[in-house]
Protein backbone atom coordinates (compact mmCIF):
# COMPACT_ATOMS: atom_id res chain seq x y z
CA UNK A 1 0.00 0.00 0.00
CA UNK A 2 1.53 3.28 -1.14
CA UNK A 3 1.80 6.08 1.42
CA UNK A 4 1.67 9.85 0.91
CA UNK A 5 1.96 12.76 3.33
CA UNK A 6 -1.30 14.14 1.91
CA UNK A 7 -4.07 12.91 -0.37
CA UNK A 8 -6.54 15.32 -1.98
CA UNK A 9 -9.84 13.68 -2.84
CA UNK A 10 -11.65 15.56 -5.62
CA UNK A 11 -9.88 17.84 -8.09
CA UNK A 12 -12.42 20.49 -8.93
CA UNK A 13 -12.05 24.11 -7.88
CA UNK A 14 -10.92 23.56 -4.29
CA UNK A 15 -9.11 20.26 -4.70
CA UNK A 16 -7.02 21.41 -7.66
CA UNK A 17 -6.04 24.59 -5.80
CA UNK A 18 -5.04 22.66 -2.66
CA UNK A 19 -3.05 20.21 -4.75
CA UNK A 20 -1.20 23.03 -6.50
CA UNK A 21 -0.30 24.95 -3.36
CA UNK A 22 0.91 21.83 -1.57
CA UNK A 23 3.03 20.74 -4.52
CA UNK A 24 4.39 24.26 -5.00
CA UNK A 25 5.73 24.16 -1.44
CA UNK A 26 7.55 20.89 -2.10
CA UNK A 27 5.00 18.71 -0.31
CA UNK A 28 4.54 15.21 -1.69
CA UNK A 29 0.85 15.17 -2.53
CA UNK A 30 -1.45 12.76 -4.36
CA UNK A 31 -4.71 13.81 -6.02
CA UNK A 32 -7.58 11.53 -7.02
CA UNK A 33 -10.73 12.23 -9.02
CA UNK A 34 -13.44 9.86 -10.18
CA UNK A 35 -13.52 11.68 -13.55
CA UNK A 36 -10.98 13.71 -15.50
CA UNK A 37 -11.24 17.38 -14.51
CA UNK A 38 -12.25 19.76 -15.82
CA UNK A 39 -15.55 18.07 -16.72
CA UNK A 40 -19.25 18.96 -16.85
CA UNK A 41 -20.65 16.61 -14.21
CA UNK A 42 -19.96 18.53 -11.00
CA UNK A 43 -19.77 22.22 -10.13
CA UNK A 44 -16.64 23.45 -11.91
CA UNK A 45 -17.59 24.30 -15.48
CA UNK A 46 -19.65 26.68 -17.57
CA UNK A 47 -17.02 28.82 -19.40
CA UNK A 48 -17.24 31.72 -16.95
CA UNK A 49 -17.85 32.23 -13.23
CA UNK A 50 -18.61 35.47 -11.42
CA UNK A 51 -15.95 36.89 -9.14
CA UNK A 52 -16.46 39.86 -6.83
CA UNK A 53 -14.53 41.34 -3.93
CA UNK A 54 -17.15 42.80 -1.59
CA UNK A 55 -19.01 39.68 -0.56
CA UNK A 56 -22.69 40.03 0.33
CA UNK A 57 -22.77 36.59 1.95
CA UNK A 58 -20.63 38.01 4.76
CA UNK A 59 -17.68 40.37 5.26
CA UNK A 60 -15.49 37.48 6.45
CA UNK A 61 -15.35 36.22 2.85
CA UNK A 62 -13.88 39.43 1.45
CA UNK A 63 -10.23 38.87 2.55
CA UNK A 64 -10.40 35.45 0.85
CA UNK A 65 -11.70 37.01 -2.37
CA UNK A 66 -9.01 39.71 -2.30
CA UNK A 67 -6.26 37.12 -1.88
CA UNK A 68 -7.80 34.98 -4.62
CA UNK A 69 -7.50 37.84 -7.12
CA UNK A 70 -3.82 38.17 -6.26
CA UNK A 71 -3.36 34.45 -6.78
CA UNK A 72 -5.21 34.40 -10.12
CA UNK A 73 -2.70 36.97 -11.37
CA UNK A 74 0.22 34.91 -10.03
CA UNK A 75 -1.16 31.85 -11.79
CA UNK A 76 -1.50 33.79 -15.02
CA UNK A 77 2.15 34.85 -14.84
CA UNK A 78 3.26 31.31 -14.04
CA UNK A 79 1.25 29.70 -16.84
CA UNK A 80 0.92 32.36 -19.52
CA UNK A 81 -2.84 31.72 -19.58
CA UNK A 82 -5.73 34.18 -19.21
CA UNK A 83 -7.81 33.30 -16.15
CA UNK A 84 -9.30 36.50 -14.67
CA UNK A 85 -11.09 39.36 -16.44
CA UNK A 86 -12.06 42.40 -14.37
CA UNK A 87 -14.77 44.02 -16.47
CA UNK A 88 -16.75 45.23 -13.44
CA UNK A 89 -19.74 43.89 -11.60
CA UNK A 90 -23.24 45.32 -11.18
CA UNK A 91 -25.59 44.18 -8.40
CA UNK A 92 -29.17 45.43 -8.78
CA UNK A 93 -31.71 45.42 -5.97
CA UNK A 94 -34.52 47.38 -4.34
CA UNK A 95 -36.73 47.43 -1.27
CA UNK A 96 -39.45 45.85 -3.45
CA UNK A 97 -37.34 42.83 -4.33
CA UNK A 98 -38.92 39.41 -4.02
CA UNK A 99 -35.85 37.38 -4.94
CA UNK A 100 -32.98 37.14 -2.44
CA UNK A 101 -29.39 36.23 -3.31
CA UNK A 102 -28.21 33.60 -0.81
CA UNK A 103 -28.76 35.68 2.36
CA UNK A 104 -31.03 38.47 3.52
CA UNK A 105 -29.46 41.90 3.18
CA UNK A 106 -27.17 40.83 0.35
CA UNK A 107 -27.02 44.29 -1.26
CA UNK A 108 -26.47 46.14 2.02
CA UNK A 109 -23.90 43.57 3.12
CA UNK A 110 -22.02 44.03 -0.16
CA UNK A 111 -21.92 47.79 0.26
CA UNK A 112 -20.77 47.47 3.89
CA UNK A 113 -17.95 45.10 2.90
CA UNK A 114 -16.82 47.46 0.14
CA UNK A 115 -16.68 50.38 2.53
CA UNK A 116 -14.88 48.42 5.24
CA UNK A 117 -12.17 47.06 2.93
CA UNK A 118 -11.80 50.10 0.67
CA UNK A 119 -13.03 48.36 -2.47
CA UNK A 120 -13.58 50.73 -5.40
CA UNK A 121 -17.29 51.05 -6.12
CA UNK A 122 -20.17 53.33 -7.02
CA UNK A 123 -23.85 53.34 -6.08
CA UNK A 124 -26.07 54.08 -9.08
CA UNK A 125 -29.73 55.09 -9.21
CA UNK A 126 -32.03 53.70 -11.89
CA UNK A 127 -31.48 56.63 -14.27
CA UNK A 128 -27.70 56.20 -14.10
CA UNK A 129 -27.95 52.44 -14.66
CA UNK A 130 -30.05 53.11 -17.78
CA UNK A 131 -27.61 55.72 -19.05
CA UNK A 132 -24.50 53.60 -18.60
CA UNK A 133 -25.96 50.14 -19.14
CA UNK A 134 -29.10 50.44 -21.30
CA UNK A 135 -29.21 46.66 -21.75
CA UNK A 136 -30.68 46.36 -18.24
CA UNK A 137 -34.40 47.26 -18.04
CA UNK A 138 -34.49 48.44 -14.45
CA UNK A 139 -37.48 49.81 -12.56
CA UNK A 140 -37.48 53.37 -11.26
CA UNK A 141 -37.00 52.30 -7.64
CA UNK A 142 -34.06 49.96 -8.27
CA UNK A 143 -30.45 50.85 -7.54
CA UNK A 144 -27.11 49.35 -8.43
CA UNK A 145 -23.81 48.63 -6.72
CA UNK A 146 -21.04 48.83 -9.33
CA UNK A 147 -17.70 47.28 -8.36
CA UNK A 148 -14.76 48.21 -10.56
CA UNK A 149 -12.62 45.11 -10.02
CA UNK A 150 -15.33 42.45 -10.13
CA UNK A 151 -15.53 40.28 -13.22
CA UNK A 152 -15.22 36.66 -14.19
CA UNK A 153 -12.84 33.74 -14.18
CA UNK A 154 -12.73 30.81 -16.60
CA UNK A 155 -13.35 27.70 -14.48
CA UNK A 156 -12.21 25.02 -16.90
CA UNK A 157 -9.02 26.90 -17.71
CA UNK A 158 -8.39 27.59 -14.02
CA UNK A 159 -8.65 23.92 -13.05
CA UNK A 160 -6.62 22.85 -16.07
CA UNK A 161 -3.89 25.35 -15.13
CA UNK A 162 -3.81 24.40 -11.45
CA UNK A 163 -3.50 20.69 -12.23
CA UNK A 164 -0.80 21.24 -14.86
CA UNK A 165 1.25 23.40 -12.49
CA UNK A 166 0.71 20.95 -9.63
CA UNK A 167 2.08 18.12 -11.76
CA UNK A 168 4.99 20.31 -12.83
CA UNK A 169 5.81 20.74 -9.13
CA UNK A 170 5.74 17.00 -8.54
CA UNK A 171 2.14 16.18 -7.59
CA UNK A 172 0.86 12.76 -8.61
CA UNK A 173 -2.65 12.69 -10.08
CA UNK A 174 -4.94 9.74 -10.73
CA UNK A 175 -7.87 10.61 -12.99
CA UNK A 176 -10.90 8.40 -13.60
CA UNK A 177 -10.41 6.57 -10.30
CA UNK A 178 -13.45 6.41 -8.04
CA UNK A 179 -12.93 6.69 -4.29
CA UNK A 180 -15.17 4.26 -2.43
CA UNK A 181 -14.43 5.53 1.05
CA UNK A 182 -11.83 6.33 3.68
CA UNK A 183 -11.01 5.20 7.22
CA UNK A 184 -9.14 7.39 9.68
CA UNK A 185 -7.24 6.31 12.77
CA UNK A 186 -4.87 8.07 15.13
CA UNK A 187 -1.93 6.97 12.97
CA UNK A 188 -3.13 7.39 9.38
CA UNK A 189 -5.94 7.63 6.87
CA UNK A 190 -6.65 4.78 4.46
CA UNK A 191 -8.34 5.69 1.17
CA UNK A 192 -9.98 2.89 -0.80
CA UNK A 193 -10.69 3.29 -4.50
CA UNK A 194 -12.04 1.00 -7.18
CA UNK A 195 -8.43 0.14 -8.07
CA UNK A 196 -6.33 0.24 -4.92
CA UNK A 197 -5.81 1.38 -1.33
CA UNK A 198 -3.58 4.28 -0.26
CA UNK A 199 -2.31 5.51 3.10
CA UNK A 200 -1.83 9.14 4.07
CA UNK A 201 -0.94 11.29 7.04
CA UNK A 202 -3.61 13.81 6.00
CA UNK A 203 -6.66 13.75 3.76
CA UNK A 204 -8.46 16.71 2.18
CA UNK A 205 -11.96 15.75 1.06
CA UNK A 206 -13.09 18.23 -1.63
CA UNK A 207 -15.51 16.00 -3.51
CA UNK A 208 -18.16 18.60 -4.37
CA UNK A 209 -21.60 17.04 -4.86
CA UNK A 210 -20.14 13.58 -4.18
CA UNK A 211 -19.16 14.68 -0.65
CA UNK A 212 -22.33 13.47 1.14
CA UNK A 213 -21.83 9.93 -0.17
CA UNK A 214 -18.42 9.81 1.56
CA UNK A 215 -19.72 10.89 4.97
CA UNK A 216 -21.89 9.27 7.59
CA UNK A 217 -25.58 10.11 7.45
CA UNK A 218 -25.24 12.51 10.40
CA UNK A 219 -22.37 14.45 8.84
CA UNK A 220 -23.94 14.43 5.37
CA UNK A 221 -27.24 15.89 6.60
CA UNK A 222 -26.34 19.61 6.19
CA UNK A 223 -25.43 19.20 2.51
CA UNK A 224 -28.20 19.37 -0.10
CA UNK A 225 -27.56 18.98 -3.84
CA UNK A 226 -29.55 21.07 -6.32
CA UNK A 227 -29.56 20.95 -10.11
CA UNK A 228 -28.97 24.32 -11.78
CA UNK A 229 -29.26 25.24 -15.45
CA UNK A 230 -27.00 27.67 -17.32
CA UNK A 231 -28.26 29.27 -20.54
CA UNK A 232 -26.55 31.14 -23.36
CA UNK A 233 -28.91 33.29 -25.46
CA UNK A 234 -28.05 34.86 -28.80
CA UNK A 235 -27.89 38.64 -29.29
CA UNK A 236 -30.72 40.26 -31.26
CA UNK A 237 -29.03 43.32 -32.68
CA UNK A 238 -25.61 44.92 -32.00
CA UNK A 239 -23.32 42.76 -29.91
CA UNK A 240 -21.25 45.71 -28.62
CA UNK A 241 -23.37 46.42 -25.50
CA UNK A 242 -22.89 42.82 -24.37
CA UNK A 243 -19.13 42.55 -24.86
CA UNK A 244 -16.92 42.53 -21.72
CA UNK A 245 -15.63 46.01 -22.56
CA UNK A 246 -19.11 47.45 -22.05
CA UNK A 247 -21.06 44.91 -20.06
CA UNK A 248 -20.29 44.04 -16.43
CA UNK A 249 -21.19 40.76 -14.82
CA UNK A 250 -24.51 41.22 -13.04
CA UNK A 251 -26.57 39.85 -10.15
CA UNK A 252 -30.18 40.99 -9.96
CA UNK A 253 -32.52 40.60 -7.00
CA UNK A 254 -35.70 40.88 -9.03
CA UNK A 255 -39.04 42.39 -8.21
CA UNK A 256 -42.02 40.13 -8.79
CA UNK A 257 -39.93 36.99 -9.35
CA UNK A 258 -38.91 34.34 -6.88
CA UNK A 259 -35.46 33.72 -8.31
CA UNK A 260 -32.41 35.93 -8.67
CA UNK A 261 -30.85 36.15 -12.11
CA UNK A 262 -27.18 36.57 -12.81
CA UNK A 263 -25.28 36.85 -16.05
CA UNK A 264 -22.01 37.36 -17.83
CA UNK A 265 -21.04 39.11 -21.05
CA UNK A 266 -20.67 37.58 -24.48
CA UNK A 267 -17.09 36.29 -24.52
CA UNK A 268 -17.27 34.28 -27.75
CA UNK A 269 -18.28 37.03 -30.16
CA UNK A 270 -21.07 36.70 -32.71
CA UNK A 271 -23.47 33.83 -32.04
CA UNK A 272 -21.65 32.90 -28.83
CA UNK A 273 -24.46 34.16 -26.64
CA UNK A 274 -24.90 35.95 -23.33
CA UNK A 275 -24.82 33.65 -20.30
CA UNK A 276 -27.83 34.01 -17.99
CA UNK A 277 -29.00 31.80 -15.13
CA UNK A 278 -31.17 31.67 -12.06
CA UNK A 279 -30.64 29.72 -8.85
CA UNK A 280 -33.22 27.05 -8.12
CA UNK A 281 -33.59 25.32 -4.76
CA UNK A 282 -36.66 23.16 -5.28
CA UNK A 283 -36.10 19.43 -5.24
CA UNK A 284 -32.79 17.90 -4.22
CA UNK A 285 -30.85 15.46 -6.37
CA UNK A 286 -27.57 13.54 -6.48
CA UNK A 287 -24.70 13.50 -8.97
CA UNK A 288 -25.85 10.08 -10.17
CA UNK A 289 -29.54 10.89 -10.59
CA UNK A 290 -29.51 14.53 -11.75
CA UNK A 291 -30.84 15.06 -15.26
CA UNK A 292 -28.11 16.48 -17.51
CA UNK A 293 -30.54 17.25 -20.34
CA UNK A 294 -31.99 20.74 -20.70
CA UNK A 295 -35.37 20.46 -22.40
CA UNK A 296 -36.96 23.04 -24.71
CA UNK A 297 -39.56 23.98 -22.09
CA UNK A 298 -36.79 25.03 -19.69
CA UNK A 299 -35.23 27.24 -22.37
CA UNK A 300 -38.59 28.81 -23.30
CA UNK A 301 -39.58 29.43 -19.69
CA UNK A 302 -36.21 30.96 -18.83
CA UNK A 303 -36.39 33.36 -21.75
CA UNK A 304 -39.99 34.44 -21.26
CA UNK A 305 -39.88 34.76 -17.47
CA UNK A 306 -36.34 35.92 -16.71
CA UNK A 307 -34.67 37.23 -19.86
CA UNK A 308 -37.13 39.10 -22.09
CA UNK A 309 -38.58 41.33 -19.32
CA UNK A 310 -35.20 42.44 -18.00
CA UNK A 311 -32.47 42.19 -20.66
CA UNK A 312 -32.80 44.15 -23.89
CA UNK A 313 -31.27 43.02 -27.14
CA UNK A 314 -31.22 39.35 -26.21
CA UNK A 315 -32.81 36.83 -28.58
CA UNK A 316 -35.00 33.90 -27.57
CA UNK A 317 -32.63 31.61 -29.49
CA UNK A 318 -30.75 29.54 -26.90
CA UNK A 319 -27.36 28.67 -28.38
CA UNK A 320 -26.25 26.47 -25.49
CA UNK A 321 -27.50 25.14 -22.15
CA UNK A 322 -25.73 23.13 -19.46
CA UNK A 323 -26.54 21.82 -16.01
CA UNK A 324 -24.37 22.07 -12.94
CA UNK A 325 -24.79 21.08 -9.30
CA UNK A 326 -24.81 23.22 -6.18
CA UNK A 327 -23.88 21.67 -2.84
CA UNK A 328 -25.80 23.90 -0.43
CA UNK A 329 -25.71 24.25 3.35
CA UNK A 330 -28.66 25.59 5.41
CA UNK A 331 -27.09 29.04 5.82
CA UNK A 332 -25.48 29.11 2.35
CA UNK A 333 -22.07 29.25 4.03
CA UNK A 334 -18.97 27.17 3.44
CA UNK A 335 -17.81 24.16 5.39
CA UNK A 336 -14.02 24.04 5.86
CA UNK A 337 -13.35 22.04 8.97
CA UNK A 338 -11.63 19.03 10.45
CA UNK A 339 -13.65 15.85 10.49
CA UNK A 340 -15.22 15.61 13.97
CA UNK A 341 -13.77 12.10 14.39
CA UNK A 342 -10.27 12.74 13.03
CA UNK A 343 -7.86 15.67 13.03
CA UNK A 344 -6.18 14.06 10.01
CA UNK A 345 -9.17 14.71 7.71
CA UNK A 346 -10.32 18.09 6.44
CA UNK A 347 -13.83 18.40 4.97
CA UNK A 348 -13.97 21.12 2.34
CA UNK A 349 -17.28 22.23 0.83
CA UNK A 350 -17.08 25.93 -0.03
CA UNK A 351 -19.97 25.76 -2.44
CA UNK A 352 -23.57 26.96 -2.03
CA UNK A 353 -23.28 28.67 -5.40
CA UNK A 354 -20.61 31.23 -4.54
CA UNK A 355 -17.46 29.21 -4.00
CA UNK A 356 -15.37 29.28 -7.16
CA UNK A 357 -14.15 32.85 -6.78
CA UNK A 358 -12.49 31.91 -3.49
CA UNK A 359 -10.82 28.69 -4.61
CA UNK A 360 -7.14 29.73 -5.01
CA UNK A 361 -6.99 31.34 -1.58
CA UNK A 362 -8.81 28.44 0.05
CA UNK A 363 -6.38 26.04 -1.60
CA UNK A 364 -3.52 28.08 -0.18
CA UNK A 365 -5.13 28.06 3.28
CA UNK A 366 -5.51 24.28 3.12
CA UNK A 367 -1.84 23.87 2.25
CA UNK A 368 -0.96 25.98 5.28
CA UNK A 369 -3.19 23.84 7.48
CA UNK A 370 -1.40 20.69 6.32
CA UNK A 371 2.15 22.00 6.53
CA UNK A 372 1.99 24.51 9.38
CA UNK A 373 -1.04 23.37 11.36
CA UNK A 374 -2.84 26.69 10.84
CA UNK A 375 -3.95 28.94 7.98
CA UNK A 376 -3.82 32.66 7.33
CA UNK A 377 -7.61 32.98 7.39
CA UNK A 378 -9.91 32.48 10.33
CA UNK A 379 -11.81 29.34 9.33
CA UNK A 380 -14.01 29.32 12.45
CA UNK A 381 -17.07 30.71 10.57
CA UNK A 382 -16.94 27.63 8.36
CA UNK A 383 -17.10 25.05 11.16
CA UNK A 384 -19.22 21.98 10.46
CA UNK A 385 -20.33 21.88 14.09
CA UNK A 386 -22.67 24.83 13.55
CA UNK A 387 -25.03 22.35 11.89
CA UNK A 388 -24.58 19.55 14.42
CA UNK A 389 -27.32 19.39 17.05
């Protein structure tokens, strides 16, 4: 049975980042994934992902986001690849909103975090939003928070880059190898896969939507898996207003609708489409049972209910649609904590629909936990025990 100082289980956003930072520091680390990342079956795909610095889910996330932006730029210099685009971010809300983004007070929390950490931003009234961004059909009583250095990252390219650099620094990676389970003792952790068994001093479990299947029923209870659908709609008219140079990423707490919409600019030019999505939390699923097909009724309903009334110049022609999975906790917060039965195992589930932007800094923090026994960030807010009764 081969032995490693550290095994990373799951090589999506968080696992690939942890693997890279451990390998970069000369740590002998072994990564395993049941598929071959990046892939479209978990939570780390979709061409683009929103990144923002003032975090409405809680001010304690903002230092992680700030560090992540620094690390994206370091990764770009190390790899020569384009990972982060800061085209700005617009959050739209009002007192009449019906939809809520993750937590109550999301807009006010975002503004408070920006002011506390000195993040460049503006607050726009409806008239100013219309003047600067006429593609958004806002109501008179809506306002916008515009963050200069928000934007998007490219998830597939980020994971691909992290894994390539990790291997270049000596990490060993096994793709397409399913982990069946793990057993932890005072001396070691044993990981069993469909091919072999491996021993480790430490284990980082970053299995995304497969995480609950690797935990006991009691520990798995806080994690719910929801199917989400991502849509790309064609442009009906000039594409210029929807290009990254003129269109920020956006998050919109809508009036009269139950779901928030968010979107990203057209990054693939003519016929590439504008990415728009909602967040749905009705009916849980699993990675093995979730429907990967997006039917025509879903495309029609999305356009008629959430695109046409709010986004001008967007066609009903859906050029692409994908599904992804959210692993959601009751308070929409992360879980980054030691396994309650073993200090050798770290459970990592920074998901709930807003995790990717934080992944490089969380990976760095995990490497510090392994090597130094502590991390630069206070991980106490992410304790699993807050859900344990």
